[in-house]
Amino acid sequence: MRRDLAECLYPTALGPRASARARALASCDPEPIIAVLEPLVTDARRLRLCAVVAARLEAVTLVLDAPHDPHNGAAVVRSADAFGLARVHVLERKERFAAARAVSRGAERWVEIVPWARADELAGALAASGHRLVATHPDGELEVRDLAALGRVALVLGNEHAGIGDDLRGACGASVRVPMRGFVESLNLSVTAAVLLSHATAGRVGDLAPHERRRLSARFLVTSVGRSDAILAERGIALDAGPAAEGADPASGAAAPHLAAEGGGGLDGRDETP
């Protein structure tokens, strides 16, 4: 049974409005959104957003195979943001991906979390984008120091109890190990993710295409500016596509507040509360 479910977010299942907003931000011209919202943030905030967008990585991504513990899930997403990943892929086999609010500290707002129902579709999409799937394994042929030299890599981490499913492991072209000097044979899931990302992202610079950077800038501004939906709607840009509030927890129906323009928003390591 999962712990602290009342304090969880469900980033991959925020309801029809959230997915519609994501589609709108992906398909809309980002320039009008940026033009309207960018003047509403401070210069310091704008520079910080620009720096984070410029450092975002497409070449390195994570794949979580049916993670169960919301604390682990939240910590992994937080590490993904800290190391500059643009997105994390989650294979949801039996339950929705859950992230503990107190641990994530809003990181799910800055990292795109992509849900998948089938391992073959996930693997196929990553193969099509040129990512090499690398599984974590105690006896992996690769060491963590080898990851930085790989081109486009998707690091696959398994469920806390069952590990990586055979269907997903079969799609992996290599495996990586974290060297151990003690008696234990493995690390906690979230610790493993942080160690791998530290090595895999070392020396890499932001690699998003220019149009993807602008799209991400628009998304970050929408997230950062309070009442961004209403402000954009006044200018004829509609992102609101349904009654459910963005950030709502499907278990409680409660809505997460937008970040204030002055807020840290997780970009400086502080709490997310506006």
C-alpha atoms as a PDB file:
ATOM      1  CA  MET A   1       0.000   0.000   0.000  1.00  0.00           C
ATOM      2  CA  ARG A   2       1.285   3.456  -0.842  1.00  0.00           C
ATOM      3  CA  ARG A   3       2.132   5.845   1.956  1.00  0.00           C
ATOM      4  CA  ASP A   4       0.897   9.421   2.398  1.00  0.00           C
ATOM      5  CA  LEU A   5      -1.480   9.266  -0.549  1.00  0.00           C
ATOM      6  CA  ALA A   6      -3.364  12.332   0.711  1.00  0.00           C
ATOM      7  CA  GLU A   7      -0.204  14.375   0.191  1.00  0.00           C
ATOM      8  CA  CYS A   8       0.483  13.138  -3.337  1.00  0.00           C
ATOM      9  CA  LEU A   9       0.341  14.782  -6.725  1.00  0.00           C
ATOM     10  CA  TYR A  10      -0.508  12.817  -9.855  1.00  0.00           C
ATOM     11  CA  PRO A  11       1.450  14.658 -12.564  1.00  0.00           C
ATOM     12  CA  THR A  12       0.497  12.313 -15.401  1.00  0.00           C
ATOM     13  CA  ALA A  13      -3.230  12.278 -14.629  1.00  0.00           C
ATOM     14  CA  LEU A  14      -4.327  15.843 -13.991  1.00  0.00           C
ATOM     15  CA  GLY A  15      -7.517  15.584 -15.976  1.00  0.00           C
ATOM     16  CA  PRO A  16      -8.661  16.673 -19.437  1.00  0.00           C
ATOM     17  CA  ARG A  17      -7.892  20.349 -18.956  1.00  0.00           C
ATOM     18  CA  ALA A  18      -4.249  19.749 -18.134  1.00  0.00           C
ATOM     19  CA  SER A  19      -3.698  17.615 -21.208  1.00  0.00           C
ATOM     20  CA  ALA A  20      -5.579  20.148 -23.326  1.00  0.00           C
ATOM     21  CA  ARG A  21      -3.370  22.920 -21.968  1.00  0.00           C
ATOM     22  CA  ALA A  22      -0.289  20.885 -22.790  1.00  0.00           C
ATOM     23  CA  ARG A  23      -1.575  20.397 -26.327  1.00  0.00           C
ATOM     24  CA  ALA A  24      -2.362  24.084 -26.611  1.00  0.00           C
ATOM     25  CA  LEU A  25       1.105  25.102 -25.469  1.00  0.00           C
ATOM     26  CA  ALA A  26       2.654  22.604 -27.870  1.00  0.00           C
ATOM     27  CA  SER A  27       0.612  23.739 -30.860  1.00  0.00           C
ATOM     28  CA  CYS A  28       0.218  27.478 -30.240  1.00  0.00           C
ATOM     29  CA  ASP A  29       2.674  30.056 -31.455  1.00  0.00           C
ATOM     30  CA  PRO A  30       4.665  30.718 -28.247  1.00  0.00           C
ATOM     31  CA  GLU A  31       5.597  34.281 -29.227  1.00  0.00           C
ATOM     32  CA  PRO A  32       2.255  35.950 -28.330  1.00  0.00           C
ATOM     33  CA  ILE A  33       2.263  34.118 -24.972  1.00  0.00           C
ATOM     34  CA  ILE A  34       5.794  35.295 -24.251  1.00  0.00           C
ATOM     35  CA  ALA A  35       5.012  38.828 -25.373  1.00  0.00           C
ATOM     36  CA  VAL A  36       2.059  39.058 -22.976  1.00  0.00           C
ATOM     37  CA  LEU A  37       3.517  37.342 -19.911  1.00  0.00           C
ATOM     38  CA  GLU A  38       7.215  38.166 -19.948  1.00  0.00           C
ATOM     39  CA  PRO A  39       6.707  41.827 -18.939  1.00  0.00           C
ATOM     40  CA  LEU A  40       4.837  40.591 -15.846  1.00  0.00           C
ATOM     41  CA  VAL A  41       7.866  38.944 -14.247  1.00  0.00           C
ATOM     42  CA  THR A  42      10.820  40.709 -12.684  1.00  0.00           C
ATOM     43  CA  ASP A  43      14.071  41.058 -14.586  1.00  0.00           C
ATOM     44  CA  ALA A  44      15.753  38.643 -12.186  1.00  0.00           C
ATOM     45  CA  ARG A  45      13.019  36.076 -12.698  1.00  0.00           C
ATOM     46  CA  ARG A  46      13.158  36.479 -16.473  1.00  0.00           C
ATOM     47  CA  LEU A  47      16.920  35.936 -16.521  1.00  0.00           C
ATOM     48  CA  ARG A  48      16.555  32.870 -14.318  1.00  0.00           C
ATOM     49  CA  LEU A  49      13.897  31.374 -16.568  1.00  0.00           C
ATOM     50  CA  CYS A  50      16.039  32.036 -19.638  1.00  0.00           C
ATOM     51  CA  ALA A  51      19.056  30.383 -18.024  1.00  0.00           C
ATOM     52  CA  VAL A  52      17.100  27.256 -17.087  1.00  0.00           C
ATOM     53  CA  VAL A  53      15.555  26.960 -20.550  1.00  0.00           C
ATOM     54  CA  ALA A  54      18.952  27.377 -22.217  1.00  0.00           C
ATOM     55  CA  ALA A  55      20.406  24.557 -20.100  1.00  0.00           C
ATOM     56  CA  ARG A  56      17.599  22.059 -20.681  1.00  0.00           C
ATOM     57  CA  LEU A  57      18.672  18.709 -22.154  1.00  0.00           C
ATOM     58  CA  GLU A  58      16.885  16.566 -24.701  1.00  0.00           C
ATOM     59  CA  ALA A  59      19.760  14.120 -25.175  1.00  0.00           C
ATOM     60  CA  VAL A  60      19.452  12.676 -21.674  1.00  0.00           C
ATOM     61  CA  THR A  61      16.166  11.397 -20.318  1.00  0.00           C
ATOM     62  CA  LEU A  62      14.870   9.005 -17.669  1.00  0.00           C
ATOM     63  CA  VAL A  63      12.455   6.107 -17.956  1.00  0.00           C
ATOM     64  CA  LEU A  64      10.733   4.921 -14.769  1.00  0.00           C
ATOM     65  CA  ASP A  65       9.185   1.470 -14.981  1.00  0.00           C
ATOM     66  CA  ALA A  66       6.114   1.448 -12.727  1.00  0.00           C
ATOM     67  CA  PRO A  67       7.523   3.343  -9.733  1.00  0.00           C
ATOM     68  CA  HIS A  68       5.459   2.731  -6.604  1.00  0.00           C
ATOM     69  CA  ASP A  69       6.730   4.908  -3.762  1.00  0.00           C
ATOM     70  CA  PRO A  70       5.540   8.544  -4.096  1.00  0.00           C
ATOM     71  CA  HIS A  71       8.596   9.762  -2.194  1.00  0.00           C
ATOM     72  CA  ASN A  72      10.907   8.051  -4.666  1.00  0.00           C
ATOM     73  CA  GLY A  73       8.932   9.348  -7.631  1.00  0.00           C
ATOM     74  CA  ALA A  74       9.017  12.905  -6.349  1.00  0.00           C
ATOM     75  CA  ALA A  75      12.740  12.745  -5.576  1.00  0.00           C
ATOM     76  CA  VAL A  76      13.506  11.443  -9.067  1.00  0.00           C
ATOM     77  CA  VAL A  77      11.568  14.272 -10.727  1.00  0.00           C
ATOM     78  CA  ARG A  78      13.325  16.780  -8.488  1.00  0.00           C
ATOM     79  CA  SER A  79      16.706  15.364  -9.516  1.00  0.00           C
ATOM     80  CA  ALA A  80      15.644  15.451 -13.165  1.00  0.00           C
ATOM     81  CA  ASP A  81      14.929  19.171 -12.876  1.00  0.00           C
ATOM     82  CA  ALA A  82      18.158  19.813 -10.960  1.00  0.00           C
ATOM     83  CA  PHE A  83      20.262  18.136 -13.658  1.00  0.00           C
ATOM     84  CA  GLY A  84      18.462  19.906 -16.499  1.00  0.00           C
ATOM     85  CA  LEU A  85      16.303  17.195 -18.073  1.00  0.00           C
ATOM     86  CA  ALA A  86      13.486  18.372 -20.294  1.00  0.00           C
ATOM     87  CA  ARG A  87      11.306  15.333 -19.577  1.00  0.00           C
ATOM     88  CA  VAL A  88      10.868  12.055 -17.720  1.00  0.00           C
ATOM     89  CA  HIS A  89       9.010   9.050 -19.135  1.00  0.00           C
ATOM     90  CA  VAL A  90       6.876   6.884 -16.845  1.00  0.00           C
ATOM     91  CA  LEU A  91       5.524   3.434 -17.697  1.00  0.00           C
ATOM     92  CA  GLU A  92       2.310   3.156 -15.685  1.00  0.00           C
ATOM     93  CA  ARG A  93       1.605  -0.556 -15.513  1.00  0.00           C
ATOM     94  CA  LYS A  94      -0.938  -0.927 -12.686  1.00  0.00           C
ATOM     95  CA  GLU A  95      -1.202   2.462 -10.990  1.00  0.00           C
ATOM     96  CA  ARG A  96      -0.777   6.128 -11.753  1.00  0.00           C
ATOM     97  CA  PHE A  97       2.537   7.778 -11.083  1.00  0.00           C
ATOM     98  CA  ALA A  98       2.376   9.593  -7.732  1.00  0.00           C
ATOM     99  CA  ALA A  99       4.753  12.198  -6.317  1.00  0.00           C
ATOM    100  CA  ALA A 100       4.839  13.346  -2.696  1.00  0.00           C
ATOM    101  CA  ARG A 101       4.282  17.101  -2.536  1.00  0.00           C
ATOM    102  CA  ALA A 102       6.709  17.673   0.326  1.00  0.00           C
ATOM    103  CA  VAL A 103       9.508  15.958  -1.590  1.00  0.00           C
ATOM    104  CA  SER A 104       8.922  17.229  -5.135  1.00  0.00           C
ATOM    105  CA  ARG A 105       8.730  20.882  -3.995  1.00  0.00           C
ATOM    106  CA  GLY A 106       7.080  21.755  -7.305  1.00  0.00           C
ATOM    107  CA  ALA A 107       9.635  20.114  -9.591  1.00  0.00           C
ATOM    108  CA  GLU A 108       6.817  18.460 -11.545  1.00  0.00           C
ATOM    109  CA  ARG A 109       5.868  21.935 -12.826  1.00  0.00           C
ATOM    110  CA  TRP A 110       9.180  22.337 -14.616  1.00  0.00           C
ATOM    111  CA  VAL A 111       9.818  18.842 -15.990  1.00  0.00           C
ATOM    112  CA  GLU A 112       7.520  17.311 -18.592  1.00  0.00           C
ATOM    113  CA  ILE A 113       6.347  13.935 -17.272  1.00  0.00           C
ATOM    114  CA  VAL A 114       5.236  11.692 -20.123  1.00  0.00           C
ATOM    115  CA  PRO A 115       3.025   8.691 -19.243  1.00  0.00           C
ATOM    116  CA  TRP A 116       3.013   5.442 -21.210  1.00  0.00           C
ATOM    117  CA  ALA A 117       0.751   2.413 -20.943  1.00  0.00           C
ATOM    118  CA  ARG A 118       2.827   0.027 -23.068  1.00  0.00           C
ATOM    119  CA  ALA A 119       6.527  -0.736 -22.959  1.00  0.00           C
ATOM    120  CA  ASP A 120       6.805  -1.322 -26.695  1.00  0.00           C
ATOM    121  CA  GLU A 121       5.314   2.072 -27.548  1.00  0.00           C
ATOM    122  CA  LEU A 122       7.605   3.818 -25.066  1.00  0.00           C
ATOM    123  CA  ALA A 123      10.680   2.033 -26.395  1.00  0.00           C
ATOM    124  CA  GLY A 124       9.666   2.687 -29.987  1.00  0.00           C
ATOM    125  CA  ALA A 125       9.216   6.401 -29.399  1.00  0.00           C
ATOM    126  CA  LEU A 126      12.610   6.725 -27.737  1.00  0.00           C
ATOM    127  CA  ALA A 127      14.283   4.698 -30.470  1.00  0.00           C
ATOM    128  CA  ALA A 128      12.682   6.988 -33.050  1.00  0.00           C
ATOM    129  CA  SER A 129      14.126  10.030 -31.268  1.00  0.00           C
ATOM    130  CA  GLY A 130      17.577   8.461 -31.358  1.00  0.00           C
ATOM    131  CA  HIS A 131      17.835   7.582 -27.672  1.00  0.00           C
ATOM    132  CA  ARG A 132      19.753   4.498 -26.629  1.00  0.00           C
ATOM    133  CA  LEU A 133      17.943   2.711 -23.805  1.00  0.00           C
ATOM    134  CA  VAL A 134      20.334   1.796 -20.991  1.00  0.00           C
ATOM    135  CA  ALA A 135      19.059  -0.312 -18.110  1.00  0.00           C
ATOM    136  CA  THR A 136      20.377  -0.122 -14.576  1.00  0.00           C
ATOM    137  CA  HIS A 137      21.817  -3.430 -13.370  1.00  0.00           C
ATOM    138  CA  PRO A 138      24.317  -4.468 -10.657  1.00  0.00           C
ATOM    139  CA  ASP A 139      26.364  -6.288 -13.302  1.00  0.00           C
ATOM    140  CA  GLY A 140      26.012  -3.759 -16.118  1.00  0.00           C
ATOM    141  CA  GLU A 141      28.802  -3.644 -18.681  1.00  0.00           C
ATOM    142  CA  LEU A 142      28.904   0.166 -18.509  1.00  0.00           C
ATOM    143  CA  GLU A 143      30.090   2.229 -15.564  1.00  0.00           C
ATOM    144  CA  VAL A 144      28.533   5.528 -14.631  1.00  0.00           C
ATOM    145  CA  ARG A 145      31.574   7.406 -15.959  1.00  0.00           C
ATOM    146  CA  ASP A 146      30.800   6.020 -19.441  1.00  0.00           C
ATOM    147  CA  LEU A 147      27.407   7.738 -19.643  1.00  0.00           C
ATOM    148  CA  ALA A 148      28.677  11.217 -20.492  1.00  0.00           C
ATOM    149  CA  ALA A 149      30.293   9.881 -23.660  1.00  0.00           C
ATOM    150  CA  LEU A 150      27.071   8.354 -24.991  1.00  0.00           C
ATOM    151  CA  GLY A 151      25.073  10.356 -27.496  1.00  0.00           C
ATOM    152  CA  ARG A 152      21.364  10.365 -26.750  1.00  0.00           C
ATOM    153  CA  VAL A 153      20.609   8.142 -23.790  1.00  0.00           C
ATOM    154  CA  ALA A 154      17.484   7.080 -21.914  1.00  0.00           C
ATOM    155  CA  LEU A 155      18.316   5.684 -18.481  1.00  0.00           C
ATOM    156  CA  VAL A 156      15.839   3.008 -17.427  1.00  0.00           C
ATOM    157  CA  LEU A 157      15.102   2.464 -13.730  1.00  0.00           C
ATOM    158  CA  GLY A 158      12.878  -0.325 -12.486  1.00  0.00           C
ATOM    159  CA  ASN A 159      10.177  -0.684  -9.878  1.00  0.00           C
ATOM    160  CA  GLU A 160      11.423  -0.703  -6.285  1.00  0.00           C
ATOM    161  CA  HIS A 161      10.436  -4.351  -5.842  1.00  0.00           C
ATOM    162  CA  ALA A 162      10.051  -5.949  -9.272  1.00  0.00           C
ATOM    163  CA  GLY A 163      12.845  -4.102 -11.074  1.00  0.00           C
ATOM    164  CA  ILE A 164      12.638  -3.520 -14.819  1.00  0.00           C
ATOM    165  CA  GLY A 165      10.009  -5.578 -16.632  1.00  0.00           C
ATOM    166  CA  ASP A 166      11.224  -8.140 -19.149  1.00  0.00           C
ATOM    167  CA  ASP A 167       9.447  -6.351 -22.007  1.00  0.00           C
ATOM    168  CA  LEU A 168      11.252  -3.084 -21.325  1.00  0.00           C
ATOM    169  CA  ARG A 169      14.566  -4.688 -20.435  1.00  0.00           C
ATOM    170  CA  GLY A 170      14.513  -6.483 -23.777  1.00  0.00           C
ATOM    171  CA  ALA A 171      14.414  -3.108 -25.526  1.00  0.00           C
ATOM    172  CA  CYS A 172      17.545  -1.896 -23.733  1.00  0.00           C
ATOM    173  CA  GLY A 173      20.751  -2.100 -25.753  1.00  0.00           C
ATOM    174  CA  ALA A 174      23.067  -1.845 -22.767  1.00  0.00           C
ATOM    175  CA  SER A 175      23.141  -1.750 -18.977  1.00  0.00           C
ATOM    176  CA  VAL A 176      24.980   0.395 -16.465  1.00  0.00           C
ATOM    177  CA  ARG A 177      26.156  -0.319 -12.937  1.00  0.00           C
ATOM    178  CA  VAL A 178      26.868   1.942  -9.998  1.00  0.00           C
ATOM    179  CA  PRO A 179      30.121   0.761  -8.350  1.00  0.00           C
ATOM    180  CA  MET A 180      29.601  -0.561  -4.808  1.00  0.00           C
ATOM    181  CA  ARG A 181      32.250  -0.871  -2.115  1.00  0.00           C
ATOM    182  CA  GLY A 182      30.054  -1.929   0.767  1.00  0.00           C
ATOM    183  CA  PHE A 183      27.860  -4.905   1.577  1.00  0.00           C
ATOM    184  CA  VAL A 184      24.698  -3.593  -0.050  1.00  0.00           C
ATOM    185  CA  GLU A 185      24.048  -4.526  -3.662  1.00  0.00           C
ATOM    186  CA  SER A 186      21.942  -1.562  -4.700  1.00  0.00           C
ATOM    187  CA  LEU A 187      20.943   1.983  -3.845  1.00  0.00           C
ATOM    188  CA  ASN A 188      17.529   3.504  -3.339  1.00  0.00           C
ATOM    189  CA  LEU A 189      15.762   4.253  -6.634  1.00  0.00           C
ATOM    190  CA  SER A 190      15.956   8.032  -6.290  1.00  0.00           C
ATOM    191  CA  VAL A 191      19.601   7.946  -5.184  1.00  0.00           C
ATOM    192  CA  THR A 192      20.477   5.773  -8.173  1.00  0.00           C
ATOM    193  CA  ALA A 193      18.745   8.240 -10.485  1.00  0.00           C
ATOM    194  CA  ALA A 194      20.701  11.168  -9.044  1.00  0.00           C
ATOM    195  CA  VAL A 195      24.034   9.343  -9.351  1.00  0.00           C
ATOM    196  CA  LEU A 196      23.344   8.348 -12.952  1.00  0.00           C
ATOM    197  CA  LEU A 197      22.160  11.813 -13.949  1.00  0.00           C
ATOM    198  CA  SER A 198      25.167  13.461 -12.356  1.00  0.00           C
ATOM    199  CA  HIS A 199      27.437  11.448 -14.647  1.00  0.00           C
ATOM    200  CA  ALA A 200      25.216  11.351 -17.741  1.00  0.00           C
ATOM    201  CA  THR A 201      24.759  15.127 -17.869  1.00  0.00           C
ATOM    202  CA  ALA A 202      28.362  16.027 -17.021  1.00  0.00           C
ATOM    203  CA  GLY A 203      29.873  18.367 -19.603  1.00  0.00           C
ATOM    204  CA  ARG A 204      26.694  18.604 -21.692  1.00  0.00           C
ATOM    205  CA  VAL A 205      25.196  21.917 -22.683  1.00  0.00           C
ATOM    206  CA  GLY A 206      21.559  22.672 -23.367  1.00  0.00           C
ATOM    207  CA  ASP A 207      20.487  21.130 -26.655  1.00  0.00           C
ATOM    208  CA  LEU A 208      16.852  22.024 -27.251  1.00  0.00           C
ATOM    209  CA  ALA A 209      16.050  23.256 -30.736  1.00  0.00           C
ATOM    210  CA  PRO A 210      15.319  27.013 -30.892  1.00  0.00           C
ATOM    211  CA  HIS A 211      11.574  26.488 -31.360  1.00  0.00           C
ATOM    212  CA  GLU A 212      11.515  24.077 -28.420  1.00  0.00           C
ATOM    213  CA  ARG A 213      13.243  26.656 -26.239  1.00  0.00           C
ATOM    214  CA  ARG A 214      10.601  29.228 -27.110  1.00  0.00           C
ATOM    215  CA  ARG A 215       7.823  26.730 -26.440  1.00  0.00           C
ATOM    216  CA  LEU A 216       9.361  25.899 -23.075  1.00  0.00           C
ATOM    217  CA  SER A 217       9.772  29.587 -22.271  1.00  0.00           C
ATOM    218  CA  ALA A 218       6.061  30.091 -22.894  1.00  0.00           C
ATOM    219  CA  ARG A 219       5.192  27.116 -20.699  1.00  0.00           C
ATOM    220  CA  PHE A 220       7.420  28.336 -17.860  1.00  0.00           C
ATOM    221  CA  LEU A 221       5.866  31.791 -18.034  1.00  0.00           C
ATOM    222  CA  VAL A 222       2.364  30.341 -17.926  1.00  0.00           C
ATOM    223  CA  THR A 223       3.408  28.408 -14.835  1.00  0.00           C
ATOM    224  CA  SER A 224       5.165  31.363 -13.198  1.00  0.00           C
ATOM    225  CA  VAL A 225       2.625  34.148 -13.657  1.00  0.00           C
ATOM    226  CA  GLY A 226      -0.443  34.195 -11.432  1.00  0.00           C
ATOM    227  CA  ARG A 227      -3.772  34.172 -13.304  1.00  0.00           C
ATOM    228  CA  SER A 228      -1.922  33.532 -16.541  1.00  0.00           C
ATOM    229  CA  ASP A 229      -4.992  31.877 -18.121  1.00  0.00           C
ATOM    230  CA  ALA A 230      -7.180  34.907 -17.487  1.00  0.00           C
ATOM    231  CA  ILE A 231      -4.492  37.347 -18.609  1.00  0.00           C
ATOM    232  CA  LEU A 232      -3.964  35.460 -21.858  1.00  0.00           C
ATOM    233  CA  ALA A 233      -7.714  35.106 -22.412  1.00  0.00           C
ATOM    234  CA  GLU A 234      -8.066  38.891 -22.260  1.00  0.00           C
ATOM    235  CA  ARG A 235      -5.651  39.018 -25.206  1.00  0.00           C
ATOM    236  CA  GLY A 236      -7.540  36.354 -27.127  1.00  0.00           C
ATOM    237  CA  ILE A 237      -5.197  33.471 -26.248  1.00  0.00           C
ATOM    238  CA  ALA A 238      -7.225  30.658 -24.665  1.00  0.00           C
ATOM    239  CA  LEU A 239      -5.505  27.829 -22.835  1.00  0.00           C
ATOM    240  CA  ASP A 240      -8.460  26.972 -20.607  1.00  0.00           C
ATOM    241  CA  ALA A 241     -10.184  23.904 -22.023  1.00  0.00           C
ATOM    242  CA  GLY A 242     -12.235  22.547 -19.170  1.00  0.00           C
ATOM    243  CA  PRO A 243     -13.562  22.978 -15.646  1.00  0.00           C
ATOM    244  CA  ALA A 244     -10.810  21.202 -13.731  1.00  0.00           C
ATOM    245  CA  ALA A 245      -8.047  23.388 -12.403  1.00  0.00           C
ATOM    246  CA  GLU A 246      -4.559  22.779 -13.670  1.00  0.00           C
ATOM    247  CA  GLY A 247      -2.554  21.027 -10.997  1.00  0.00           C
ATOM    248  CA  ALA A 248      -5.646  19.457  -9.453  1.00  0.00           C
ATOM    249  CA  ASP A 249      -5.176  16.286  -7.533  1.00  0.00           C
ATOM    250  CA  PRO A 250      -7.654  13.767  -9.002  1.00  0.00           C
ATOM    251  CA  ALA A 251      -7.989  12.110  -5.617  1.00  0.00           C
ATOM    252  CA  SER A 252      -9.096  15.276  -3.842  1.00  0.00           C
ATOM    253  CA  GLY A 253     -10.159  17.687  -6.574  1.00  0.00           C
ATOM    254  CA  ALA A 254      -8.047  20.368  -4.933  1.00  0.00           C
ATOM    255  CA  ALA A 255      -6.276  22.818  -7.156  1.00  0.00           C
ATOM    256  CA  ALA A 256      -2.649  23.782  -6.829  1.00  0.00           C
ATOM    257  CA  PRO A 257      -2.155  27.564  -6.900  1.00  0.00           C
ATOM    258  CA  HIS A 258      -0.222  29.265  -9.654  1.00  0.00           C
ATOM    259  CA  LEU A 259       3.171  30.589  -8.691  1.00  0.00           C
ATOM    260  CA  ALA A 260       3.468  34.308  -8.135  1.00  0.00           C
ATOM    261  CA  ALA A 261       5.737  36.210 -10.483  1.00  0.00           C
ATOM    262  CA  GLU A 262       8.112  36.942  -7.598  1.00  0.00           C
ATOM    263  CA  GLY A 263       8.163  33.349  -6.319  1.00  0.00           C
ATOM    264  CA  GLY A 264      11.159  31.039  -6.317  1.00  0.00           C
ATOM    265  CA  GLY A 265       9.179  28.334  -8.088  1.00  0.00           C
ATOM    266  CA  GLY A 266      11.757  25.681  -7.278  1.00  0.00           C
ATOM    267  CA  LEU A 267      14.331  27.388  -9.457  1.00  0.00           C
ATOM    268  CA  ASP A 268      16.358  28.428  -6.427  1.00  0.00           C
ATOM    269  CA  GLY A 269      15.691  25.383  -4.259  1.00  0.00           C
ATOM    270  CA  ARG A 270      13.101  27.061  -2.035  1.00  0.00           C
ATOM    271  CA  ASP A 271       9.622  25.846  -1.269  1.00  0.00           C
ATOM    272  CA  GLU A 272       6.987  26.209  -3.982  1.00  0.00           C
ATOM    273  CA  THR A 273       4.395  27.951  -1.846  1.00  0.00           C
ATOM    274  CA  PRO A 274       3.629  31.355  -3.418  1.00  0.00           C
END
